[in-house]
Amino acid sequence: MKHKFLATALLIFPALLCFAALIGLDGKWQGNITLPDGNTYPVTYEFTVNSGQLSGKASAEGSAKTLTEGKVNGADFSFSITDDDGQPIPHSGKYYTEGDSIALLVTYQGSKLHGSLKRAKN
């Protein structure tokens, strides 16, 4: 009996964690991207998750861009935005439930830029 309960719990727990990660990404996030020269660039993202698909908007300096190719796999996610010259800017990230935070990797003009986001307080 104990073995059946343990086996069932071990199967359900990861599914619940994935579900929590999907729910946790929804909302408005703010933070900074660190540039190659060490300066930081403030950014805001608004995420919506629906059946493993990620949509929303990204903004910096007031101009909002629509997220494309958004995917969610557990706590990991990816999407792209298009810059003003029509070039894609791929993003990938990981949601951390413990701190309600996001670690973000942005690939821009051959550089890998790192950032961290926290849920915006309304």
N, C-alpha and C. Protein backbone atom coordinates (compact mmCIF):
# COMPACT_ATOMS: atom_id res chain seq x y z
N MET A 1 0.82 -1.20 0.00
CA MET A 1 0.00 0.00 0.00
C MET A 1 0.87 1.26 0.00
N LYS A 2 1.91 1.25 0.84
CA LYS A 2 2.79 2.42 0.91
C LYS A 2 3.49 2.64 -0.43
N HIS A 3 3.88 1.55 -1.08
CA HIS A 3 4.58 1.67 -2.36
C HIS A 3 3.68 2.27 -3.44
N LYS A 4 2.41 1.88 -3.45
CA LYS A 4 1.47 2.44 -4.43
C LYS A 4 1.28 3.93 -4.19
N PHE A 5 1.14 4.31 -2.93
CA PHE A 5 0.97 5.72 -2.60
C PHE A 5 2.20 6.52 -3.01
N LEU A 6 3.39 6.01 -2.69
CA LEU A 6 4.63 6.70 -3.03
C LEU A 6 4.79 6.82 -4.54
N ALA A 7 4.50 5.75 -5.26
CA ALA A 7 4.61 5.78 -6.72
C ALA A 7 3.65 6.80 -7.32
N THR A 8 2.43 6.82 -6.81
CA THR A 8 1.44 7.78 -7.30
C THR A 8 1.88 9.20 -6.99
N ALA A 9 2.37 9.44 -5.79
CA ALA A 9 2.82 10.77 -5.40
C ALA A 9 3.98 11.23 -6.27
N LEU A 10 4.91 10.32 -6.57
CA LEU A 10 6.06 10.68 -7.41
C LEU A 10 5.65 11.01 -8.84
N LEU A 11 4.56 10.44 -9.30
CA LEU A 11 4.07 10.76 -10.64
C LEU A 11 3.29 12.07 -10.67
N ILE A 12 2.54 12.34 -9.63
CA ILE A 12 1.69 13.53 -9.60
C ILE A 12 2.48 14.79 -9.29
N PHE A 13 3.46 14.70 -8.40
CA PHE A 13 4.20 15.89 -7.95
C PHE A 13 4.84 16.66 -9.11
N PRO A 14 5.58 16.01 -10.03
CA PRO A 14 6.15 16.77 -11.15
C PRO A 14 5.09 17.45 -12.02
N ALA A 15 3.97 16.79 -12.20
CA ALA A 15 2.89 17.40 -13.00
C ALA A 15 2.37 18.65 -12.32
N LEU A 16 2.23 18.60 -11.00
CA LEU A 16 1.77 19.79 -10.27
C LEU A 16 2.79 20.92 -10.36
N LEU A 17 4.08 20.59 -10.31
CA LEU A 17 5.11 21.63 -10.45
C LEU A 17 5.03 22.29 -11.82
N CYS A 18 4.85 21.49 -12.86
CA CYS A 18 4.72 22.05 -14.21
C CYS A 18 3.50 22.95 -14.30
N PHE A 19 2.38 22.50 -13.72
CA PHE A 19 1.16 23.30 -13.73
C PHE A 19 1.38 24.61 -12.99
N ALA A 20 2.07 24.56 -11.85
CA ALA A 20 2.35 25.78 -11.09
C ALA A 20 3.21 26.73 -11.90
N ALA A 21 4.17 26.20 -12.63
CA ALA A 21 5.02 27.05 -13.46
C ALA A 21 4.22 27.71 -14.57
N LEU A 22 3.30 26.97 -15.18
CA LEU A 22 2.48 27.55 -16.24
C LEU A 22 1.62 28.68 -15.70
N ILE A 23 1.00 28.47 -14.57
CA ILE A 23 0.14 29.49 -13.97
C ILE A 23 0.99 30.67 -13.54
N GLY A 24 2.18 30.41 -13.01
CA GLY A 24 3.02 31.45 -12.45
C GLY A 24 3.54 32.46 -13.44
N LEU A 25 3.68 32.12 -14.71
CA LEU A 25 4.22 33.05 -15.69
C LEU A 25 3.24 34.16 -16.06
N ASP A 26 1.96 33.88 -15.97
CA ASP A 26 0.96 34.89 -16.34
C ASP A 26 1.16 36.17 -15.55
N GLY A 27 1.08 37.29 -16.26
CA GLY A 27 1.13 38.58 -15.57
C GLY A 27 2.20 39.51 -16.11
N LYS A 28 2.38 40.59 -15.39
CA LYS A 28 3.32 41.64 -15.77
C LYS A 28 4.62 41.48 -14.98
N TRP A 29 5.74 41.54 -15.69
CA TRP A 29 7.07 41.35 -15.11
C TRP A 29 7.96 42.53 -15.47
N GLN A 30 8.79 42.95 -14.52
CA GLN A 30 9.72 44.05 -14.76
C GLN A 30 11.11 43.66 -14.27
N GLY A 31 12.11 44.23 -14.92
CA GLY A 31 13.47 43.95 -14.50
C GLY A 31 14.46 44.66 -15.39
N ASN A 32 15.67 44.13 -15.42
CA ASN A 32 16.75 44.73 -16.19
C ASN A 32 17.50 43.68 -16.98
N ILE A 33 17.95 44.07 -18.16
CA ILE A 33 18.84 43.27 -18.98
C ILE A 33 20.22 43.90 -18.86
N THR A 34 21.24 43.07 -18.60
CA THR A 34 22.60 43.58 -18.48
C THR A 34 23.25 43.60 -19.86
N LEU A 35 23.72 44.77 -20.27
CA LEU A 35 24.35 44.95 -21.58
C LEU A 35 25.82 44.54 -21.51
N PRO A 36 26.47 44.32 -22.67
CA PRO A 36 27.87 43.90 -22.67
C PRO A 36 28.81 44.87 -21.95
N ASP A 37 28.47 46.16 -21.92
CA ASP A 37 29.33 47.13 -21.24
C ASP A 37 29.08 47.20 -19.73
N GLY A 38 28.16 46.37 -19.24
CA GLY A 38 27.86 46.34 -17.81
C GLY A 38 26.68 47.19 -17.39
N ASN A 39 26.25 48.09 -18.25
CA ASN A 39 25.07 48.90 -17.93
C ASN A 39 23.82 48.03 -17.99
N THR A 40 22.76 48.50 -17.37
CA THR A 40 21.50 47.75 -17.39
C THR A 40 20.44 48.52 -18.16
N TYR A 41 19.51 47.77 -18.71
CA TYR A 41 18.46 48.31 -19.56
C TYR A 41 17.12 47.85 -18.98
N PRO A 42 16.26 48.78 -18.53
CA PRO A 42 14.99 48.37 -17.94
C PRO A 42 14.01 47.84 -18.99
N VAL A 43 13.33 46.75 -18.64
CA VAL A 43 12.37 46.10 -19.55
C VAL A 43 11.11 45.70 -18.79
N THR A 44 10.02 45.58 -19.54
CA THR A 44 8.75 45.11 -18.99
C THR A 44 8.17 44.08 -19.96
N TYR A 45 7.68 42.98 -19.41
CA TYR A 45 7.05 41.93 -20.19
C TYR A 45 5.68 41.64 -19.61
N GLU A 46 4.72 41.36 -20.48
CA GLU A 46 3.40 40.89 -20.06
C GLU A 46 3.16 39.55 -20.72
N PHE A 47 3.05 38.50 -19.90
CA PHE A 47 2.92 37.13 -20.39
C PHE A 47 1.52 36.58 -20.15
N THR A 48 1.06 35.79 -21.14
CA THR A 48 -0.16 35.01 -21.01
C THR A 48 0.16 33.60 -21.49
N VAL A 49 -0.16 32.60 -20.68
CA VAL A 49 0.08 31.20 -21.03
C VAL A 49 -1.26 30.52 -21.28
N ASN A 50 -1.33 29.80 -22.42
CA ASN A 50 -2.54 29.07 -22.76
C ASN A 50 -2.14 27.77 -23.46
N SER A 51 -2.36 26.64 -22.82
CA SER A 51 -2.06 25.32 -23.40
C SER A 51 -0.63 25.21 -23.90
N GLY A 52 0.32 25.65 -23.11
CA GLY A 52 1.73 25.54 -23.48
C GLY A 52 2.22 26.59 -24.45
N GLN A 53 1.34 27.50 -24.85
CA GLN A 53 1.73 28.59 -25.74
C GLN A 53 1.88 29.87 -24.93
N LEU A 54 2.92 30.63 -25.23
CA LEU A 54 3.19 31.88 -24.54
C LEU A 54 2.93 33.04 -25.49
N SER A 55 2.17 34.02 -25.04
CA SER A 55 1.91 35.22 -25.83
C SER A 55 2.06 36.42 -24.92
N GLY A 56 2.02 37.60 -25.51
CA GLY A 56 2.11 38.81 -24.71
C GLY A 56 2.87 39.91 -25.41
N LYS A 57 3.42 40.81 -24.60
CA LYS A 57 4.13 41.97 -25.12
C LYS A 57 5.41 42.20 -24.33
N ALA A 58 6.39 42.79 -24.99
CA ALA A 58 7.64 43.21 -24.36
C ALA A 58 7.82 44.68 -24.65
N SER A 59 8.25 45.43 -23.65
CA SER A 59 8.47 46.86 -23.89
C SER A 59 9.71 47.35 -23.18
N ALA A 60 10.33 48.33 -23.81
CA ALA A 60 11.48 49.03 -23.27
C ALA A 60 11.44 50.43 -23.87
N GLU A 61 11.64 51.41 -23.04
CA GLU A 61 11.58 52.80 -23.49
C GLU A 61 10.24 53.13 -24.16
N GLY A 62 9.17 52.50 -23.70
CA GLY A 62 7.84 52.86 -24.16
C GLY A 62 7.31 52.15 -25.38
N SER A 63 8.18 51.53 -26.19
CA SER A 63 7.69 50.87 -27.40
C SER A 63 7.40 49.40 -27.10
N ALA A 64 6.16 48.96 -27.35
CA ALA A 64 5.76 47.58 -27.08
C ALA A 64 5.90 46.73 -28.33
N LYS A 65 6.43 45.53 -28.16
CA LYS A 65 6.57 44.56 -29.24
C LYS A 65 5.79 43.30 -28.87
N THR A 66 5.17 42.69 -29.87
CA THR A 66 4.39 41.47 -29.65
C THR A 66 5.31 40.26 -29.63
N LEU A 67 5.08 39.37 -28.67
CA LEU A 67 5.84 38.12 -28.60
C LEU A 67 5.37 37.18 -29.70
N THR A 68 6.31 36.48 -30.33
CA THR A 68 6.00 35.47 -31.34
C THR A 68 6.71 34.17 -30.97
N GLU A 69 6.25 33.08 -31.54
CA GLU A 69 6.86 31.77 -31.35
C GLU A 69 7.00 31.39 -29.88
N GLY A 70 6.06 31.82 -29.04
CA GLY A 70 6.15 31.57 -27.61
C GLY A 70 5.79 30.14 -27.23
N LYS A 71 6.65 29.52 -26.44
CA LYS A 71 6.44 28.15 -25.98
C LYS A 71 6.78 28.05 -24.50
N VAL A 72 6.06 27.17 -23.80
CA VAL A 72 6.33 26.91 -22.39
C VAL A 72 6.48 25.40 -22.21
N ASN A 73 7.53 25.01 -21.50
CA ASN A 73 7.76 23.60 -21.19
C ASN A 73 8.14 23.51 -19.72
N GLY A 74 7.15 23.30 -18.87
CA GLY A 74 7.41 23.30 -17.42
C GLY A 74 7.76 24.71 -16.98
N ALA A 75 8.91 24.86 -16.35
CA ALA A 75 9.36 26.17 -15.89
C ALA A 75 10.16 26.91 -16.96
N ASP A 76 10.52 26.22 -18.05
CA ASP A 76 11.31 26.82 -19.13
C ASP A 76 10.38 27.38 -20.20
N PHE A 77 10.80 28.49 -20.80
CA PHE A 77 9.99 29.09 -21.85
C PHE A 77 10.89 29.80 -22.85
N SER A 78 10.32 30.07 -24.03
CA SER A 78 11.06 30.80 -25.06
C SER A 78 10.07 31.58 -25.92
N PHE A 79 10.58 32.63 -26.53
CA PHE A 79 9.79 33.43 -27.46
C PHE A 79 10.74 34.33 -28.23
N SER A 80 10.20 35.06 -29.16
CA SER A 80 10.99 36.00 -29.94
C SER A 80 10.21 37.29 -30.07
N ILE A 81 10.92 38.38 -30.24
CA ILE A 81 10.31 39.64 -30.64
C ILE A 81 11.08 40.12 -31.86
N THR A 82 10.51 41.03 -32.61
CA THR A 82 11.16 41.56 -33.81
C THR A 82 11.55 43.00 -33.56
N ASP A 83 12.83 43.33 -33.86
CA ASP A 83 13.28 44.71 -33.65
C ASP A 83 12.77 45.61 -34.77
N ASP A 84 13.08 46.89 -34.69
CA ASP A 84 12.57 47.86 -35.67
C ASP A 84 13.11 47.62 -37.08
N ASP A 85 14.22 46.87 -37.20
CA ASP A 85 14.79 46.55 -38.51
C ASP A 85 14.26 45.22 -39.05
N GLY A 86 13.31 44.61 -38.34
CA GLY A 86 12.73 43.35 -38.80
C GLY A 86 13.52 42.12 -38.39
N GLN A 87 14.53 42.28 -37.55
CA GLN A 87 15.36 41.16 -37.12
C GLN A 87 14.78 40.52 -35.86
N PRO A 88 14.74 39.18 -35.81
CA PRO A 88 14.22 38.51 -34.61
C PRO A 88 15.20 38.62 -33.44
N ILE A 89 14.65 38.76 -32.25
CA ILE A 89 15.45 38.77 -31.02
C ILE A 89 14.95 37.62 -30.15
N PRO A 90 15.66 36.47 -30.20
CA PRO A 90 15.22 35.31 -29.43
C PRO A 90 15.43 35.52 -27.92
N HIS A 91 14.48 35.04 -27.15
CA HIS A 91 14.53 35.08 -25.69
C HIS A 91 14.31 33.66 -25.17
N SER A 92 14.96 33.31 -24.10
CA SER A 92 14.65 32.08 -23.38
C SER A 92 14.76 32.37 -21.90
N GLY A 93 14.00 31.64 -21.12
CA GLY A 93 14.01 31.93 -19.70
C GLY A 93 13.55 30.76 -18.86
N LYS A 94 13.67 30.98 -17.57
CA LYS A 94 13.24 29.98 -16.59
C LYS A 94 12.52 30.70 -15.47
N TYR A 95 11.34 30.16 -15.12
CA TYR A 95 10.55 30.71 -14.03
C TYR A 95 10.88 29.97 -12.74
N TYR A 96 11.16 30.73 -11.68
CA TYR A 96 11.47 30.16 -10.37
C TYR A 96 10.32 30.46 -9.42
N THR A 97 9.60 29.40 -9.03
CA THR A 97 8.45 29.58 -8.15
C THR A 97 8.88 30.07 -6.77
N GLU A 98 10.05 29.62 -6.30
CA GLU A 98 10.48 29.96 -4.94
C GLU A 98 10.57 31.47 -4.73
N GLY A 99 11.13 32.18 -5.68
CA GLY A 99 11.29 33.62 -5.53
C GLY A 99 10.35 34.43 -6.40
N ASP A 100 9.41 33.72 -7.09
CA ASP A 100 8.52 34.37 -8.05
C ASP A 100 9.33 35.29 -8.95
N SER A 101 10.35 34.69 -9.58
CA SER A 101 11.27 35.46 -10.42
C SER A 101 11.57 34.70 -11.71
N ILE A 102 12.16 35.42 -12.65
CA ILE A 102 12.51 34.86 -13.95
C ILE A 102 13.96 35.20 -14.27
N ALA A 103 14.71 34.20 -14.73
CA ALA A 103 16.04 34.42 -15.29
C ALA A 103 15.86 34.41 -16.81
N LEU A 104 16.41 35.42 -17.48
CA LEU A 104 16.17 35.61 -18.90
C LEU A 104 17.48 35.67 -19.67
N LEU A 105 17.52 35.04 -20.84
CA LEU A 105 18.65 35.11 -21.75
C LEU A 105 18.13 35.67 -23.07
N VAL A 106 18.74 36.76 -23.52
CA VAL A 106 18.34 37.43 -24.76
C VAL A 106 19.53 37.39 -25.72
N THR A 107 19.29 36.96 -26.96
CA THR A 107 20.34 36.96 -27.97
C THR A 107 20.08 38.14 -28.90
N TYR A 108 21.01 39.12 -28.87
CA TYR A 108 20.82 40.33 -29.66
C TYR A 108 22.11 40.69 -30.39
N GLN A 109 22.05 40.72 -31.70
CA GLN A 109 23.18 41.05 -32.56
C GLN A 109 24.43 40.25 -32.19
N GLY A 110 24.23 38.96 -31.95
CA GLY A 110 25.34 38.06 -31.65
C GLY A 110 25.78 38.04 -30.20
N SER A 111 25.24 38.91 -29.38
CA SER A 111 25.60 38.94 -27.96
C SER A 111 24.55 38.22 -27.13
N LYS A 112 25.00 37.56 -26.08
CA LYS A 112 24.11 36.92 -25.11
C LYS A 112 23.95 37.87 -23.93
N LEU A 113 22.75 38.34 -23.72
CA LEU A 113 22.46 39.29 -22.65
C LEU A 113 21.63 38.58 -21.58
N HIS A 114 21.97 38.82 -20.33
CA HIS A 114 21.27 38.18 -19.22
C HIS A 114 20.43 39.20 -18.48
N GLY A 115 19.33 38.72 -17.94
CA GLY A 115 18.47 39.60 -17.17
C GLY A 115 17.72 38.85 -16.11
N SER A 116 17.13 39.61 -15.21
CA SER A 116 16.27 39.02 -14.20
C SER A 116 15.01 39.87 -14.08
N LEU A 117 13.90 39.19 -13.87
CA LEU A 117 12.60 39.84 -13.80
C LEU A 117 11.90 39.46 -12.50
N LYS A 118 11.14 40.39 -11.98
CA LYS A 118 10.28 40.16 -10.83
C LYS A 118 8.87 40.55 -11.23
N ARG A 119 7.90 39.90 -10.60
CA ARG A 119 6.51 40.23 -10.89
C ARG A 119 6.25 41.68 -10.49
N ALA A 120 5.60 42.42 -11.39
CA ALA A 120 5.30 43.83 -11.13
C ALA A 120 4.23 43.93 -10.05
N LYS A 121 4.42 44.86 -9.16
CA LYS A 121 3.42 45.12 -8.13
C LYS A 121 2.46 46.17 -8.66
N ASN A 122 1.18 45.86 -8.66
CA ASN A 122 0.18 46.78 -9.23
C ASN A 122 -0.13 47.89 -8.30
